[in-house]
Amino acid sequence: MEQDRVEKAIGYFKQGYNCSQSVAMAFADLYDIPVELMARIAASYGGGIGRMRETCGTALAMFLLCGLEEVKREDVADADTGGIKDYSPETKKKNYEVVQRLAAEFRAETGSLICKELLGLNKQRADGTIPEIKIVATPEARTDEYYRKRPCIRMVETAARIYERYLKEKEKE
């Protein structure tokens, strides 16, 4: 029996892959993309895009996967020239609709699409100010304390579950 993709995504995260890689890698086989290549493709989106704490990397992974699902090779391959072409407005619209749906589901379940908000880094101080977020490129060591203080595993699980549910619903159509 195939390993559950949600558990696979969580497993990748626990192995040290970033949040975005973990979700994207769990679905790589569906798009004939080697896991190693998917890890490279999604590498920059972890930590809210390069650890800048912007859009959550797990949400970005869902959106990346959505493009692979909704925009087919024939939509962008130019059969006449062997090159690429812009895909149709209808395909763009469908892709954007699905991305917006996935984003809304993620936001409804987590409260935000923004990494710093999900991590609680933008909480107001007693004096009414919001602390400036220090942007550092160095990731934290994956310790028990790291996993205790961060909701990232829950975000990985949520994004993988939402995307898996989307695929199952699409299959029924």
N, C-alpha and C. Protein backbone atom coordinates (compact mmCIF):
# COMPACT_ATOMS: atom_id res chain seq x y z
N MET A 1 0.84 -1.19 0.00
CA MET A 1 0.00 0.00 0.00
C MET A 1 0.88 1.26 0.00
N GLU A 2 0.48 2.22 -0.84
CA GLU A 2 1.25 3.45 -0.95
C GLU A 2 1.21 4.23 0.37
N GLN A 3 2.36 4.77 0.75
CA GLN A 3 2.43 5.57 1.97
C GLN A 3 1.57 6.81 1.82
N ASP A 4 0.82 7.14 2.82
CA ASP A 4 -0.02 8.33 2.82
C ASP A 4 0.84 9.55 2.54
N ARG A 5 0.41 10.39 1.62
CA ARG A 5 1.21 11.56 1.22
C ARG A 5 1.38 12.57 2.34
N VAL A 6 0.39 12.69 3.20
CA VAL A 6 0.51 13.60 4.33
C VAL A 6 1.64 13.15 5.24
N GLU A 7 1.65 11.86 5.55
CA GLU A 7 2.73 11.31 6.40
C GLU A 7 4.07 11.40 5.70
N LYS A 8 4.07 11.22 4.39
CA LYS A 8 5.30 11.35 3.62
C LYS A 8 5.85 12.76 3.73
N ALA A 9 4.97 13.76 3.60
CA ALA A 9 5.39 15.17 3.71
C ALA A 9 5.95 15.46 5.10
N ILE A 10 5.25 15.00 6.13
CA ILE A 10 5.74 15.18 7.50
C ILE A 10 7.08 14.50 7.68
N GLY A 11 7.22 13.31 7.12
CA GLY A 11 8.49 12.58 7.20
C GLY A 11 9.64 13.35 6.57
N TYR A 12 9.40 13.94 5.41
CA TYR A 12 10.45 14.74 4.76
C TYR A 12 10.83 15.92 5.66
N PHE A 13 9.84 16.57 6.26
CA PHE A 13 10.14 17.71 7.14
C PHE A 13 10.98 17.26 8.32
N LYS A 14 10.63 16.14 8.91
CA LYS A 14 11.39 15.63 10.05
C LYS A 14 12.79 15.18 9.66
N GLN A 15 13.00 14.91 8.38
CA GLN A 15 14.35 14.57 7.90
C GLN A 15 15.21 15.81 7.70
N GLY A 16 14.59 17.00 7.77
CA GLY A 16 15.35 18.23 7.63
C GLY A 16 15.06 19.05 6.39
N TYR A 17 14.19 18.54 5.51
CA TYR A 17 13.81 19.34 4.35
C TYR A 17 12.96 20.51 4.83
N ASN A 18 12.98 21.60 4.06
CA ASN A 18 12.17 22.74 4.49
C ASN A 18 10.69 22.46 4.25
N CYS A 19 9.85 23.34 4.74
CA CYS A 19 8.40 23.13 4.68
C CYS A 19 7.89 22.99 3.25
N SER A 20 8.37 23.83 2.36
CA SER A 20 7.92 23.80 0.97
C SER A 20 8.39 22.52 0.27
N GLN A 21 9.65 22.18 0.45
CA GLN A 21 10.18 20.96 -0.14
C GLN A 21 9.37 19.75 0.32
N SER A 22 9.06 19.71 1.59
CA SER A 22 8.39 18.56 2.18
C SER A 22 7.04 18.29 1.52
N VAL A 23 6.26 19.33 1.32
CA VAL A 23 4.96 19.16 0.68
C VAL A 23 5.14 18.81 -0.79
N ALA A 24 5.96 19.55 -1.50
CA ALA A 24 6.14 19.32 -2.93
C ALA A 24 6.70 17.93 -3.22
N MET A 25 7.67 17.50 -2.43
CA MET A 25 8.29 16.19 -2.65
C MET A 25 7.30 15.04 -2.46
N ALA A 26 6.34 15.23 -1.58
CA ALA A 26 5.37 14.16 -1.30
C ALA A 26 4.48 13.86 -2.51
N PHE A 27 4.42 14.79 -3.46
CA PHE A 27 3.58 14.62 -4.65
C PHE A 27 4.39 14.54 -5.94
N ALA A 28 5.70 14.57 -5.86
CA ALA A 28 6.56 14.64 -7.04
C ALA A 28 6.29 13.53 -8.05
N ASP A 29 6.06 12.33 -7.56
CA ASP A 29 5.86 11.19 -8.47
C ASP A 29 4.64 11.36 -9.36
N LEU A 30 3.63 12.09 -8.91
CA LEU A 30 2.43 12.29 -9.72
C LEU A 30 2.71 13.08 -10.99
N TYR A 31 3.81 13.81 -10.99
CA TYR A 31 4.14 14.68 -12.12
C TYR A 31 5.43 14.23 -12.82
N ASP A 32 5.82 13.00 -12.56
CA ASP A 32 7.03 12.43 -13.16
C ASP A 32 8.26 13.30 -12.93
N ILE A 33 8.32 13.86 -11.74
CA ILE A 33 9.47 14.68 -11.36
C ILE A 33 10.25 13.91 -10.29
N PRO A 34 11.53 13.66 -10.53
CA PRO A 34 12.31 12.98 -9.50
C PRO A 34 12.29 13.78 -8.19
N VAL A 35 12.22 13.08 -7.07
CA VAL A 35 12.14 13.73 -5.76
C VAL A 35 13.31 14.70 -5.56
N GLU A 36 14.48 14.31 -6.03
CA GLU A 36 15.66 15.17 -5.87
C GLU A 36 15.48 16.49 -6.62
N LEU A 37 14.89 16.42 -7.81
CA LEU A 37 14.64 17.64 -8.58
C LEU A 37 13.57 18.49 -7.91
N MET A 38 12.53 17.86 -7.41
CA MET A 38 11.47 18.61 -6.72
C MET A 38 12.04 19.30 -5.49
N ALA A 39 12.96 18.65 -4.80
CA ALA A 39 13.60 19.27 -3.63
C ALA A 39 14.33 20.55 -4.06
N ARG A 40 14.95 20.51 -5.21
CA ARG A 40 15.66 21.70 -5.71
C ARG A 40 14.68 22.78 -6.15
N ILE A 41 13.59 22.38 -6.82
CA ILE A 41 12.61 23.34 -7.31
C ILE A 41 11.97 24.11 -6.16
N ALA A 42 11.66 23.42 -5.08
CA ALA A 42 10.94 24.04 -3.95
C ALA A 42 11.87 24.60 -2.88
N ALA A 43 13.16 24.47 -3.04
CA ALA A 43 14.12 24.84 -1.99
C ALA A 43 14.04 26.29 -1.54
N SER A 44 13.79 27.20 -2.44
CA SER A 44 13.83 28.63 -2.11
C SER A 44 12.60 29.14 -1.39
N TYR A 45 11.54 28.33 -1.33
CA TYR A 45 10.27 28.80 -0.77
C TYR A 45 10.11 28.53 0.72
N GLY A 46 11.02 27.79 1.31
CA GLY A 46 10.93 27.49 2.74
C GLY A 46 11.10 28.74 3.59
N GLY A 47 10.52 28.68 4.79
CA GLY A 47 10.64 29.79 5.72
C GLY A 47 9.93 31.04 5.25
N GLY A 48 8.90 30.86 4.45
CA GLY A 48 8.17 32.02 3.95
C GLY A 48 8.96 32.75 2.88
N ILE A 49 9.47 32.02 1.94
CA ILE A 49 10.31 32.48 0.82
C ILE A 49 11.69 32.90 1.34
N GLY A 50 12.60 31.97 1.27
CA GLY A 50 13.98 32.27 1.66
C GLY A 50 14.14 32.72 3.08
N ARG A 51 13.27 32.21 3.97
CA ARG A 51 13.30 32.53 5.40
C ARG A 51 13.05 34.01 5.68
N MET A 52 12.30 34.66 4.76
CA MET A 52 11.93 36.06 4.96
C MET A 52 10.59 36.18 5.68
N ARG A 53 9.95 35.05 5.95
CA ARG A 53 8.70 35.00 6.72
C ARG A 53 7.52 35.64 5.99
N GLU A 54 7.52 35.54 4.67
CA GLU A 54 6.42 36.06 3.86
C GLU A 54 5.39 34.93 3.66
N THR A 55 4.95 34.65 2.44
CA THR A 55 3.96 33.59 2.20
C THR A 55 4.52 32.24 2.66
N CYS A 56 3.71 31.51 3.42
CA CYS A 56 4.12 30.22 3.96
C CYS A 56 4.59 29.28 2.85
N GLY A 57 5.73 28.67 3.06
CA GLY A 57 6.30 27.75 2.08
C GLY A 57 5.41 26.57 1.76
N THR A 58 4.62 26.11 2.73
CA THR A 58 3.74 24.98 2.46
C THR A 58 2.63 25.38 1.49
N ALA A 59 2.13 26.60 1.64
CA ALA A 59 1.11 27.10 0.71
C ALA A 59 1.73 27.26 -0.68
N LEU A 60 2.94 27.79 -0.73
CA LEU A 60 3.61 27.95 -2.01
C LEU A 60 3.81 26.60 -2.70
N ALA A 61 4.10 25.57 -1.94
CA ALA A 61 4.24 24.24 -2.52
C ALA A 61 2.92 23.77 -3.13
N MET A 62 1.81 24.03 -2.43
CA MET A 62 0.50 23.68 -3.01
C MET A 62 0.29 24.40 -4.33
N PHE A 63 0.66 25.67 -4.40
CA PHE A 63 0.45 26.45 -5.61
C PHE A 63 1.35 25.96 -6.74
N LEU A 64 2.58 25.60 -6.41
CA LEU A 64 3.49 25.03 -7.39
C LEU A 64 2.90 23.74 -7.96
N LEU A 65 2.42 22.88 -7.08
CA LEU A 65 1.81 21.62 -7.51
C LEU A 65 0.56 21.87 -8.34
N CYS A 66 -0.19 22.88 -8.00
CA CYS A 66 -1.40 23.22 -8.74
C CYS A 66 -1.06 23.57 -10.19
N GLY A 67 0.01 24.30 -10.39
CA GLY A 67 0.43 24.62 -11.75
C GLY A 67 0.77 23.36 -12.53
N LEU A 68 1.41 22.41 -11.87
CA LEU A 68 1.72 21.14 -12.54
C LEU A 68 0.46 20.35 -12.85
N GLU A 69 -0.53 20.46 -12.00
CA GLU A 69 -1.79 19.72 -12.18
C GLU A 69 -2.68 20.37 -13.24
N GLU A 70 -2.81 21.68 -13.18
CA GLU A 70 -3.78 22.37 -14.03
C GLU A 70 -3.24 22.79 -15.39
N VAL A 71 -1.95 23.07 -15.48
CA VAL A 71 -1.36 23.50 -16.75
C VAL A 71 -0.62 22.29 -17.34
N LYS A 72 -1.23 21.69 -18.33
CA LYS A 72 -0.69 20.48 -18.94
C LYS A 72 0.43 20.83 -19.93
N ARG A 73 1.28 19.85 -20.21
CA ARG A 73 2.38 20.08 -21.16
C ARG A 73 1.88 20.59 -22.50
N GLU A 74 0.77 20.03 -22.97
CA GLU A 74 0.24 20.46 -24.26
C GLU A 74 -0.28 21.89 -24.22
N ASP A 75 -0.56 22.41 -23.02
CA ASP A 75 -1.00 23.80 -22.89
C ASP A 75 0.13 24.78 -23.17
N VAL A 76 1.36 24.35 -22.96
CA VAL A 76 2.50 25.26 -23.12
C VAL A 76 3.47 24.85 -24.22
N ALA A 77 3.32 23.64 -24.76
CA ALA A 77 4.21 23.17 -25.82
C ALA A 77 3.66 23.60 -27.17
N ASP A 78 4.51 24.19 -27.97
CA ASP A 78 4.12 24.60 -29.32
C ASP A 78 4.51 23.48 -30.27
N ALA A 79 3.51 22.72 -30.71
CA ALA A 79 3.76 21.56 -31.57
C ALA A 79 4.38 21.96 -32.90
N ASP A 80 4.05 23.14 -33.39
CA ASP A 80 4.57 23.58 -34.69
C ASP A 80 6.05 23.92 -34.66
N THR A 81 6.49 24.55 -33.57
CA THR A 81 7.89 25.00 -33.51
C THR A 81 8.75 24.16 -32.59
N GLY A 82 8.12 23.34 -31.77
CA GLY A 82 8.88 22.56 -30.80
C GLY A 82 9.28 23.40 -29.59
N GLY A 83 8.84 24.64 -29.55
CA GLY A 83 9.16 25.54 -28.45
C GLY A 83 8.02 25.60 -27.44
N ILE A 84 7.98 26.72 -26.73
CA ILE A 84 6.91 26.90 -25.76
C ILE A 84 6.00 28.03 -26.22
N LYS A 85 4.80 28.03 -25.68
CA LYS A 85 3.84 29.06 -26.01
C LYS A 85 3.13 29.49 -24.74
N ASP A 86 2.55 30.66 -24.78
CA ASP A 86 1.73 31.11 -23.66
C ASP A 86 0.48 30.26 -23.64
N TYR A 87 0.04 29.87 -22.48
CA TYR A 87 -1.15 29.04 -22.40
C TYR A 87 -2.41 29.89 -22.39
N SER A 88 -3.52 29.26 -22.64
CA SER A 88 -4.78 29.97 -22.88
C SER A 88 -5.29 30.72 -21.65
N PRO A 89 -6.05 31.78 -21.90
CA PRO A 89 -6.67 32.50 -20.79
C PRO A 89 -7.59 31.59 -19.96
N GLU A 90 -8.23 30.62 -20.59
CA GLU A 90 -9.10 29.70 -19.86
C GLU A 90 -8.30 28.84 -18.89
N THR A 91 -7.14 28.37 -19.33
CA THR A 91 -6.28 27.56 -18.47
C THR A 91 -5.73 28.40 -17.33
N LYS A 92 -5.32 29.62 -17.63
CA LYS A 92 -4.84 30.53 -16.58
C LYS A 92 -5.93 30.76 -15.55
N LYS A 93 -7.13 31.03 -16.03
CA LYS A 93 -8.26 31.29 -15.14
C LYS A 93 -8.52 30.09 -14.23
N LYS A 94 -8.55 28.90 -14.80
CA LYS A 94 -8.80 27.69 -14.01
C LYS A 94 -7.69 27.51 -12.96
N ASN A 95 -6.44 27.70 -13.38
CA ASN A 95 -5.32 27.57 -12.46
C ASN A 95 -5.45 28.56 -11.31
N TYR A 96 -5.72 29.82 -11.62
CA TYR A 96 -5.85 30.84 -10.59
C TYR A 96 -7.03 30.56 -9.67
N GLU A 97 -8.13 30.06 -10.23
CA GLU A 97 -9.29 29.71 -9.40
C GLU A 97 -8.93 28.63 -8.39
N VAL A 98 -8.20 27.62 -8.85
CA VAL A 98 -7.82 26.54 -7.94
C VAL A 98 -6.84 27.05 -6.89
N VAL A 99 -5.87 27.86 -7.29
CA VAL A 99 -4.92 28.44 -6.33
C VAL A 99 -5.68 29.25 -5.28
N GLN A 100 -6.63 30.06 -5.71
CA GLN A 100 -7.40 30.86 -4.77
C GLN A 100 -8.22 29.98 -3.82
N ARG A 101 -8.75 28.90 -4.34
CA ARG A 101 -9.52 27.96 -3.51
C ARG A 101 -8.61 27.31 -2.47
N LEU A 102 -7.44 26.82 -2.91
CA LEU A 102 -6.49 26.20 -1.98
C LEU A 102 -6.04 27.19 -0.92
N ALA A 103 -5.77 28.42 -1.35
CA ALA A 103 -5.34 29.47 -0.41
C ALA A 103 -6.43 29.74 0.63
N ALA A 104 -7.67 29.82 0.17
CA ALA A 104 -8.78 30.08 1.09
C ALA A 104 -8.94 28.94 2.10
N GLU A 105 -8.80 27.71 1.64
CA GLU A 105 -8.90 26.57 2.55
C GLU A 105 -7.76 26.58 3.57
N PHE A 106 -6.56 26.87 3.10
CA PHE A 106 -5.40 26.93 4.00
C PHE A 106 -5.60 28.03 5.04
N ARG A 107 -6.01 29.20 4.58
CA ARG A 107 -6.22 30.34 5.48
C ARG A 107 -7.33 30.03 6.50
N ALA A 108 -8.39 29.37 6.04
CA ALA A 108 -9.49 29.03 6.94
C ALA A 108 -9.04 28.06 8.03
N GLU A 109 -8.14 27.15 7.68
CA GLU A 109 -7.69 26.16 8.66
C GLU A 109 -6.58 26.65 9.57
N THR A 110 -5.76 27.60 9.07
CA THR A 110 -4.59 28.03 9.84
C THR A 110 -4.69 29.45 10.36
N GLY A 111 -5.53 30.26 9.75
CA GLY A 111 -5.67 31.65 10.16
C GLY A 111 -4.90 32.63 9.31
N SER A 112 -3.99 32.14 8.47
CA SER A 112 -3.18 33.05 7.66
C SER A 112 -2.45 32.27 6.57
N LEU A 113 -1.97 33.01 5.59
CA LEU A 113 -1.05 32.47 4.58
C LEU A 113 0.37 32.96 4.83
N ILE A 114 0.53 33.83 5.82
CA ILE A 114 1.81 34.51 6.05
C ILE A 114 2.61 33.81 7.15
N CYS A 115 3.82 33.44 6.82
CA CYS A 115 4.70 32.70 7.72
C CYS A 115 4.86 33.39 9.07
N LYS A 116 5.20 34.68 9.06
CA LYS A 116 5.45 35.38 10.34
C LYS A 116 4.21 35.40 11.22
N GLU A 117 3.03 35.44 10.61
CA GLU A 117 1.79 35.40 11.38
C GLU A 117 1.56 34.00 11.95
N LEU A 118 1.82 32.99 11.12
CA LEU A 118 1.66 31.61 11.57
C LEU A 118 2.62 31.28 12.71
N LEU A 119 3.81 31.88 12.66
CA LEU A 119 4.81 31.65 13.71
C LEU A 119 4.61 32.55 14.92
N GLY A 120 3.70 33.51 14.82
CA GLY A 120 3.45 34.43 15.94
C GLY A 120 4.55 35.45 16.12
N LEU A 121 5.27 35.75 15.06
CA LEU A 121 6.39 36.69 15.16
C LEU A 121 5.95 38.15 15.07
N ASN A 122 4.71 38.37 14.75
CA ASN A 122 4.24 39.74 14.58
C ASN A 122 3.28 40.15 15.70
N LYS A 123 3.41 39.52 16.84
CA LYS A 123 2.52 39.84 17.96
C LYS A 123 2.85 41.20 18.55
N GLN A 124 1.80 41.92 18.86
CA GLN A 124 1.93 43.26 19.41
C GLN A 124 2.47 43.19 20.84
N ARG A 125 3.41 44.10 21.13
CA ARG A 125 3.96 44.21 22.49
C ARG A 125 2.97 44.95 23.38
N ALA A 126 3.23 44.94 24.67
CA ALA A 126 2.38 45.64 25.65
C ALA A 126 2.30 47.14 25.35
N ASP A 127 3.38 47.69 24.79
CA ASP A 127 3.38 49.13 24.49
C ASP A 127 2.70 49.46 23.16
N GLY A 128 2.14 48.44 22.50
CA GLY A 128 1.41 48.66 21.25
C GLY A 128 2.24 48.55 19.99
N THR A 129 3.55 48.37 20.14
CA THR A 129 4.41 48.25 18.96
C THR A 129 4.53 46.78 18.56
N ILE A 130 4.87 46.59 17.31
CA ILE A 130 5.14 45.25 16.80
C ILE A 130 6.63 45.16 16.55
N PRO A 131 7.28 44.15 17.11
CA PRO A 131 8.73 44.06 16.96
C PRO A 131 9.13 43.85 15.50
N GLU A 132 10.28 44.41 15.14
CA GLU A 132 10.82 44.20 13.81
C GLU A 132 11.32 42.76 13.74
N ILE A 133 11.02 42.11 12.65
CA ILE A 133 11.45 40.72 12.48
C ILE A 133 12.85 40.72 11.89
N LYS A 134 13.76 40.09 12.58
CA LYS A 134 15.13 39.99 12.11
C LYS A 134 15.19 38.87 11.08
N ILE A 135 15.59 39.21 9.87
CA ILE A 135 15.69 38.23 8.79
C ILE A 135 17.11 37.65 8.80
N VAL A 136 17.18 36.35 8.99
CA VAL A 136 18.46 35.66 8.94
C VAL A 136 18.32 34.45 8.02
N ALA A 137 19.38 34.17 7.29
CA ALA A 137 19.34 33.08 6.33
C ALA A 137 19.60 31.72 6.98
N THR A 138 20.30 31.72 8.09
CA THR A 138 20.68 30.46 8.72
C THR A 138 19.48 29.78 9.38
N PRO A 139 19.14 28.58 8.93
CA PRO A 139 18.02 27.87 9.55
C PRO A 139 18.39 27.38 10.94
N GLU A 140 17.39 27.24 11.77
CA GLU A 140 17.61 26.73 13.12
C GLU A 140 17.83 25.22 13.07
N ALA A 141 18.58 24.73 14.04
CA ALA A 141 18.79 23.28 14.15
C ALA A 141 17.46 22.61 14.46
N ARG A 142 17.25 21.46 13.89
CA ARG A 142 16.01 20.70 14.12
C ARG A 142 16.14 19.88 15.40
N THR A 143 15.74 20.50 16.47
CA THR A 143 15.79 19.85 17.79
C THR A 143 14.37 19.62 18.28
N ASP A 144 14.23 18.92 19.40
CA ASP A 144 12.91 18.73 20.00
C ASP A 144 12.28 20.09 20.32
N GLU A 145 13.09 21.02 20.79
CA GLU A 145 12.61 22.36 21.11
C GLU A 145 12.09 23.07 19.86
N TYR A 146 12.80 22.93 18.75
CA TYR A 146 12.38 23.52 17.48
C TYR A 146 10.98 23.04 17.12
N TYR A 147 10.77 21.74 17.18
CA TYR A 147 9.46 21.18 16.82
C TYR A 147 8.38 21.57 17.82
N ARG A 148 8.74 21.74 19.09
CA ARG A 148 7.76 22.13 20.11
C ARG A 148 7.27 23.57 19.92
N LYS A 149 8.17 24.47 19.55
CA LYS A 149 7.82 25.88 19.50
C LYS A 149 7.27 26.35 18.16
N ARG A 150 7.31 25.52 17.16
CA ARG A 150 6.87 25.93 15.82
C ARG A 150 5.67 25.13 15.34
N PRO A 151 4.80 25.79 14.60
CA PRO A 151 3.65 25.08 14.04
C PRO A 151 3.93 24.49 12.65
N CYS A 152 5.17 24.45 12.25
CA CYS A 152 5.50 24.10 10.87
C CYS A 152 5.05 22.69 10.47
N ILE A 153 5.18 21.73 11.37
CA ILE A 153 4.70 20.38 11.03
C ILE A 153 3.21 20.43 10.76
N ARG A 154 2.48 21.20 11.55
CA ARG A 154 1.03 21.32 11.32
C ARG A 154 0.75 21.98 9.98
N MET A 155 1.57 22.94 9.57
CA MET A 155 1.38 23.59 8.27
C MET A 155 1.68 22.61 7.14
N VAL A 156 2.73 21.81 7.29
CA VAL A 156 3.06 20.78 6.30
C VAL A 156 1.90 19.81 6.17
N GLU A 157 1.40 19.36 7.31
CA GLU A 157 0.28 18.41 7.32
C GLU A 157 -0.95 19.04 6.68
N THR A 158 -1.25 20.26 7.02
CA THR A 158 -2.44 20.94 6.50
C THR A 158 -2.35 21.12 5.00
N ALA A 159 -1.24 21.63 4.50
CA ALA A 159 -1.09 21.85 3.06
C ALA A 159 -1.15 20.53 2.29
N ALA A 160 -0.48 19.50 2.78
CA ALA A 160 -0.51 18.21 2.09
C ALA A 160 -1.91 17.62 2.10
N ARG A 161 -2.61 17.76 3.20
CA ARG A 161 -3.98 17.22 3.31
C ARG A 161 -4.92 17.98 2.37
N ILE A 162 -4.81 19.30 2.32
CA ILE A 162 -5.66 20.10 1.44
C ILE A 162 -5.40 19.74 -0.02
N TYR A 163 -4.13 19.61 -0.38
CA TYR A 163 -3.82 19.29 -1.78
C TYR A 163 -4.27 17.87 -2.12
N GLU A 164 -4.08 16.96 -1.22
CA GLU A 164 -4.53 15.58 -1.45
C GLU A 164 -6.05 15.54 -1.61
N ARG A 165 -6.76 16.28 -0.79
CA ARG A 165 -8.22 16.35 -0.88
C ARG A 165 -8.65 16.94 -2.22
N TYR A 166 -7.96 17.98 -2.66
CA TYR A 166 -8.24 18.59 -3.96
C TYR A 166 -8.08 17.56 -5.08
N LEU A 167 -7.01 16.79 -5.04
CA LEU A 167 -6.79 15.78 -6.08
C LEU A 167 -7.88 14.71 -6.07
N LYS A 168 -8.28 14.29 -4.89
CA LYS A 168 -9.33 13.28 -4.78
C LYS A 168 -10.66 13.81 -5.30
N GLU A 169 -10.98 15.06 -4.99
CA GLU A 169 -12.22 15.66 -5.49
C GLU A 169 -12.17 15.82 -7.01
N LYS A 170 -11.01 16.20 -7.52
CA LYS A 170 -10.85 16.37 -8.97
C LYS A 170 -11.03 15.02 -9.68
N GLU A 171 -10.51 13.98 -9.07
CA GLU A 171 -10.62 12.63 -9.64
C GLU A 171 -12.08 12.19 -9.76
N LYS A 172 -12.91 12.62 -8.83
CA LYS A 172 -14.33 12.24 -8.83
C LYS A 172 -15.11 12.96 -9.93
N GLU A 173 -14.60 14.11 -10.38
CA GLU A 173 -15.32 14.91 -11.39
C GLU A 173 -15.35 14.24 -12.74
